[in-house]
N, C-alpha and C. Protein backbone atom coordinates (compact mmCIF):
# COMPACT_ATOMS: atom_id res chain seq x y z
N MET A 1 -2.31 47.69 -35.71
CA MET A 1 -3.02 47.59 -34.67
C MET A 1 -3.48 46.16 -34.41
N SER A 2 -2.98 45.63 -33.18
CA SER A 2 -3.94 44.54 -33.15
C SER A 2 -5.18 44.64 -32.00
N SER A 3 -5.86 43.64 -32.38
CA SER A 3 -6.94 43.85 -32.00
C SER A 3 -7.41 42.74 -30.86
N VAL A 4 -8.40 43.29 -30.00
CA VAL A 4 -8.54 42.00 -29.21
C VAL A 4 -9.82 41.61 -29.03
N PRO A 5 -10.10 40.12 -29.16
CA PRO A 5 -11.13 39.46 -29.47
C PRO A 5 -12.10 39.84 -28.55
N ALA A 6 -13.39 40.10 -28.82
CA ALA A 6 -14.49 40.31 -27.71
C ALA A 6 -14.80 39.09 -26.99
N PRO A 7 -15.11 39.10 -25.69
CA PRO A 7 -15.41 38.15 -24.92
C PRO A 7 -16.37 37.46 -25.19
N ARG A 8 -16.24 36.31 -25.41
CA ARG A 8 -17.82 35.29 -25.66
C ARG A 8 -18.72 35.03 -24.52
N ARG A 9 -20.05 35.06 -24.65
CA ARG A 9 -20.96 34.74 -24.04
C ARG A 9 -21.49 33.35 -23.86
N THR A 10 -21.39 32.79 -22.61
CA THR A 10 -21.85 31.47 -22.24
C THR A 10 -22.89 31.42 -22.42
N THR A 11 -23.62 30.75 -23.17
CA THR A 11 -25.14 30.10 -23.22
C THR A 11 -25.34 29.17 -22.65
N ILE A 12 -26.55 28.57 -22.64
CA ILE A 12 -26.75 27.09 -21.89
C ILE A 12 -26.27 26.21 -22.93
N VAL A 13 -26.18 26.52 -24.34
CA VAL A 13 -26.06 25.47 -25.49
C VAL A 13 -24.69 25.37 -25.12
N HIS A 14 -23.61 26.28 -25.21
CA HIS A 14 -22.33 25.88 -24.77
C HIS A 14 -22.25 25.24 -23.66
N THR A 15 -22.86 25.58 -22.60
CA THR A 15 -22.69 24.75 -20.98
C THR A 15 -22.76 23.33 -21.48
N PHE A 16 -24.28 23.00 -22.19
CA PHE A 16 -24.27 21.82 -22.30
C PHE A 16 -23.44 21.05 -23.46
N GLY A 17 -23.02 21.83 -24.06
CA GLY A 17 -21.39 21.27 -25.29
C GLY A 17 -20.61 21.09 -24.51
N GLN A 18 -20.24 21.62 -23.35
CA GLN A 18 -18.84 21.65 -22.93
C GLN A 18 -19.15 20.33 -21.76
N LEU A 19 -20.20 20.28 -21.41
CA LEU A 19 -20.51 18.92 -20.39
C LEU A 19 -20.40 17.66 -21.16
N VAL A 20 -21.17 17.25 -22.25
CA VAL A 20 -21.08 16.35 -23.36
C VAL A 20 -19.85 16.04 -23.56
N ILE A 21 -19.06 17.21 -24.27
CA ILE A 21 -17.50 16.91 -24.40
C ILE A 21 -16.65 16.37 -23.14
N GLU A 22 -17.15 16.51 -22.20
CA GLU A 22 -16.29 16.10 -20.76
C GLU A 22 -16.81 14.78 -20.45
N PHE A 23 -18.33 14.49 -20.72
CA PHE A 23 -18.52 12.97 -20.41
C PHE A 23 -17.73 12.06 -21.61
N VAL A 24 -18.16 12.41 -22.48
CA VAL A 24 -17.46 11.82 -23.73
C VAL A 24 -15.68 11.61 -23.47
N GLN A 25 -15.02 12.31 -23.00
CA GLN A 25 -13.83 12.61 -22.67
C GLN A 25 -13.48 11.23 -21.48
N ALA A 26 -14.38 11.64 -20.44
CA ALA A 26 -14.30 10.70 -19.05
C ALA A 26 -14.41 9.15 -19.67
N VAL A 27 -15.54 8.77 -20.85
CA VAL A 27 -16.02 7.61 -21.09
C VAL A 27 -14.90 7.14 -22.06
N GLY A 28 -14.04 7.73 -22.54
CA GLY A 28 -12.88 7.69 -23.66
C GLY A 28 -11.70 6.88 -22.76
N ASP A 29 -11.70 7.73 -21.45
CA ASP A 29 -10.72 7.46 -20.52
C ASP A 29 -10.82 6.18 -19.71
N LEU A 30 -11.98 5.82 -19.39
CA LEU A 30 -12.35 4.86 -18.84
C LEU A 30 -12.34 3.54 -19.95
N ALA A 31 -12.68 3.53 -21.42
CA ALA A 31 -12.28 2.49 -22.00
C ALA A 31 -11.00 2.34 -22.22
N LEU A 32 -9.95 3.03 -22.29
CA LEU A 32 -8.73 3.10 -22.74
C LEU A 32 -7.92 2.43 -21.29
N PHE A 33 -8.71 2.75 -20.37
CA PHE A 33 -8.13 2.19 -18.66
C PHE A 33 -8.27 0.46 -19.11
N ALA A 34 -9.34 0.42 -19.32
CA ALA A 34 -10.30 -0.78 -19.25
C ALA A 34 -9.53 -1.69 -19.99
N THR A 35 -9.28 -1.18 -21.51
CA THR A 35 -8.83 -2.15 -22.25
C THR A 35 -7.09 -2.32 -21.79
N SER A 36 -6.63 -1.55 -21.09
CA SER A 36 -5.22 -2.01 -21.03
C SER A 36 -5.21 -2.84 -19.70
N MET A 37 -6.37 -2.82 -18.66
CA MET A 37 -6.42 -3.83 -17.74
C MET A 37 -6.60 -5.57 -18.33
N LEU A 38 -7.47 -5.38 -19.12
CA LEU A 38 -7.77 -6.26 -19.89
C LEU A 38 -6.59 -7.47 -20.65
N ARG A 39 -5.82 -6.24 -21.46
CA ARG A 39 -4.53 -6.73 -22.06
C ARG A 39 -3.74 -7.28 -20.90
N TRP A 40 -3.50 -6.54 -19.69
CA TRP A 40 -2.62 -7.05 -18.65
C TRP A 40 -2.94 -8.18 -17.96
N LEU A 41 -4.34 -8.25 -17.73
CA LEU A 41 -5.00 -9.54 -17.34
C LEU A 41 -4.69 -10.97 -18.10
N CYS A 42 -4.63 -10.60 -19.41
CA CYS A 42 -4.50 -11.75 -20.42
C CYS A 42 -3.01 -11.89 -20.37
N ARG A 43 -2.04 -11.28 -20.36
CA ARG A 43 -0.56 -11.74 -20.42
C ARG A 43 -0.24 -12.75 -19.11
N GLY A 44 -1.04 -13.06 -18.18
CA GLY A 44 -0.59 -14.29 -17.60
C GLY A 44 -0.24 -13.53 -15.86
N LEU A 45 0.00 -14.20 -14.71
CA LEU A 45 0.25 -14.06 -13.62
C LEU A 45 1.90 -13.01 -13.42
N PRO A 46 2.11 -12.46 -12.53
CA PRO A 46 3.67 -12.09 -12.84
C PRO A 46 4.47 -12.82 -11.91
N ARG A 47 5.81 -13.00 -12.29
CA ARG A 47 6.61 -13.69 -11.52
C ARG A 47 6.74 -13.52 -9.99
N ARG A 48 6.79 -14.73 -8.96
CA ARG A 48 6.93 -14.74 -7.92
C ARG A 48 7.92 -13.47 -7.14
N ILE A 49 8.57 -13.63 -7.86
CA ILE A 49 9.63 -11.97 -7.13
C ILE A 49 9.19 -10.75 -6.96
N VAL A 50 8.63 -10.71 -8.22
CA VAL A 50 7.81 -9.37 -8.22
C VAL A 50 6.79 -9.04 -7.25
N VAL A 51 5.89 -10.59 -7.25
CA VAL A 51 4.81 -10.37 -5.86
C VAL A 51 5.36 -10.15 -4.73
N THR A 52 6.31 -10.73 -4.14
CA THR A 52 6.99 -10.86 -2.80
C THR A 52 7.80 -9.16 -2.68
N GLU A 53 8.28 -9.09 -3.51
CA GLU A 53 8.98 -7.42 -3.60
C GLU A 53 7.73 -6.54 -3.01
N SER A 54 6.92 -6.76 -4.08
CA SER A 54 5.40 -5.84 -4.04
C SER A 54 4.93 -5.97 -2.43
N MET A 55 4.55 -7.35 -2.08
CA MET A 55 4.10 -7.25 -0.80
C MET A 55 5.18 -6.83 0.32
N TYR A 56 6.32 -7.15 0.21
CA TYR A 56 7.24 -6.35 1.13
C TYR A 56 7.35 -4.83 1.26
N GLU A 57 7.13 -4.03 -0.27
CA GLU A 57 6.73 -2.68 -0.05
C GLU A 57 5.37 -2.27 0.41
N VAL A 58 4.44 -2.81 0.21
CA VAL A 58 3.22 -2.57 0.92
C VAL A 58 2.92 -3.01 2.30
N GLY A 59 3.55 -4.01 2.62
CA GLY A 59 3.23 -4.33 3.71
C GLY A 59 4.17 -4.28 4.82
N VAL A 60 5.33 -4.65 5.11
CA VAL A 60 6.53 -4.37 5.61
C VAL A 60 6.85 -2.50 5.96
N ARG A 61 6.86 -2.32 5.18
CA ARG A 61 7.49 -1.01 4.96
C ARG A 61 6.13 -0.04 5.40
N SER A 62 5.30 -0.41 5.50
CA SER A 62 3.96 0.86 5.98
C SER A 62 3.74 0.06 7.47
N ILE A 63 4.31 -0.26 7.71
CA ILE A 63 4.53 -0.18 9.36
C ILE A 63 4.62 0.86 10.38
N PRO A 64 5.76 1.34 9.76
CA PRO A 64 5.81 2.58 10.64
C PRO A 64 4.51 3.57 10.70
N VAL A 65 4.18 3.89 9.27
CA VAL A 65 3.12 4.80 9.15
C VAL A 65 1.47 4.60 9.90
N VAL A 66 1.21 3.02 9.98
CA VAL A 66 0.31 2.55 10.88
C VAL A 66 0.66 2.56 11.93
N MET A 67 1.46 2.60 12.43
CA MET A 67 1.86 2.59 13.89
C MET A 67 0.94 4.15 14.28
N ILE A 68 1.94 5.06 13.58
CA ILE A 68 1.73 6.58 13.89
C ILE A 68 -0.07 6.88 13.84
N THR A 69 -0.55 6.21 12.95
CA THR A 69 -1.66 6.71 12.66
C THR A 69 -2.65 6.04 13.68
N GLY A 70 -2.14 4.81 14.28
CA GLY A 70 -2.90 4.04 14.95
C GLY A 70 -2.78 4.78 16.61
N MET A 71 -1.18 5.33 16.77
CA MET A 71 -1.33 5.87 17.68
C MET A 71 -2.14 7.09 18.01
N PHE A 72 -1.96 7.89 17.02
CA PHE A 72 -3.03 9.48 17.09
C PHE A 72 -4.78 9.30 17.09
N ILE A 73 -5.10 8.01 16.42
CA ILE A 73 -6.61 7.51 16.56
C ILE A 73 -6.96 6.99 18.12
N GLY A 74 -5.80 6.43 18.69
CA GLY A 74 -5.76 5.64 20.13
C GLY A 74 -5.82 7.18 21.14
N MET A 75 -5.17 7.91 20.85
CA MET A 75 -5.25 9.17 21.58
C MET A 75 -6.30 10.23 21.41
N VAL A 76 -6.98 10.16 20.13
CA VAL A 76 -8.32 10.82 20.14
C VAL A 76 -9.58 10.17 20.87
N LEU A 77 -9.43 8.68 20.67
CA LEU A 77 -10.20 7.82 21.39
C LEU A 77 -10.33 7.90 22.51
N ALA A 78 -9.11 8.37 23.23
CA ALA A 78 -9.26 8.17 24.85
C ALA A 78 -9.62 9.46 25.38
N VAL A 79 -9.21 10.40 24.29
CA VAL A 79 -9.84 11.80 25.08
C VAL A 79 -11.25 11.75 25.01
N GLN A 80 -11.72 11.31 23.92
CA GLN A 80 -13.34 11.20 23.57
C GLN A 80 -13.98 10.24 24.55
N GLY A 81 -13.30 9.11 25.08
CA GLY A 81 -13.78 8.18 25.56
C GLY A 81 -13.69 8.70 27.34
N TYR A 82 -12.79 9.47 27.76
CA TYR A 82 -12.64 10.33 28.84
C TYR A 82 -13.72 11.17 29.16
N GLN A 83 -14.03 11.75 27.94
CA GLN A 83 -15.26 12.99 28.26
C GLN A 83 -16.51 12.10 28.32
N GLN A 84 -16.82 10.96 27.68
CA GLN A 84 -18.15 10.29 27.89
C GLN A 84 -18.04 9.79 28.94
N PHE A 85 -17.01 8.86 29.56
CA PHE A 85 -17.07 8.51 31.01
C PHE A 85 -17.28 9.50 31.98
N HIS A 86 -16.55 10.73 31.83
CA HIS A 86 -16.77 11.68 32.92
C HIS A 86 -18.20 11.87 32.76
N LEU A 87 -18.82 12.31 32.01
CA LEU A 87 -20.29 12.71 31.88
C LEU A 87 -21.24 11.75 32.49
N MET A 88 -20.90 10.40 32.28
CA MET A 88 -21.83 9.25 32.86
C MET A 88 -21.38 9.40 34.69
N ARG A 89 -20.19 9.55 35.09
CA ARG A 89 -19.71 9.45 36.37
C ARG A 89 -20.53 10.66 36.93
N ILE A 90 -20.38 11.82 36.23
CA ILE A 90 -21.42 13.15 37.02
C ILE A 90 -23.00 13.16 37.19
N ASP A 91 -23.25 12.27 35.93
CA ASP A 91 -24.96 11.40 35.94
C ASP A 91 -25.18 10.98 37.17
N ARG A 92 -24.38 9.96 37.16
CA ARG A 92 -24.57 9.04 38.20
C ARG A 92 -24.76 9.38 39.62
N LYS A 93 -23.58 10.40 39.92
CA LYS A 93 -23.42 10.82 41.37
C LYS A 93 -24.82 11.76 41.57
N SER A 94 -25.28 12.79 40.64
CA SER A 94 -26.49 13.47 40.94
C SER A 94 -28.03 12.71 41.20
N VAL A 95 -27.99 11.25 40.69
CA VAL A 95 -28.80 10.30 40.80
C VAL A 95 -28.66 9.75 42.10
N VAL A 96 -27.96 9.56 42.73
CA VAL A 96 -27.66 8.83 44.01
C VAL A 96 -27.95 9.62 44.89
């Protein structure tokens, strides 16, 4: 017969230990990232063609997304602006 292990109780010591382990892992990941970035910076500048291709991908190819986002933001601002100006017009009529 196989036996099922009893469920472990989590105590404050276990919880604190888990937090410490997660913190150490996060610091280790940050250290690995920092060393890889420093290594990349020490290699030198990238070639011009790589930079221009990246600029094209990031800049020119994102224009449709920026236009759509701007259109929706403009519509929201128009609706909110209309509501605010409409309230000002109503208040002004009641004063006069």
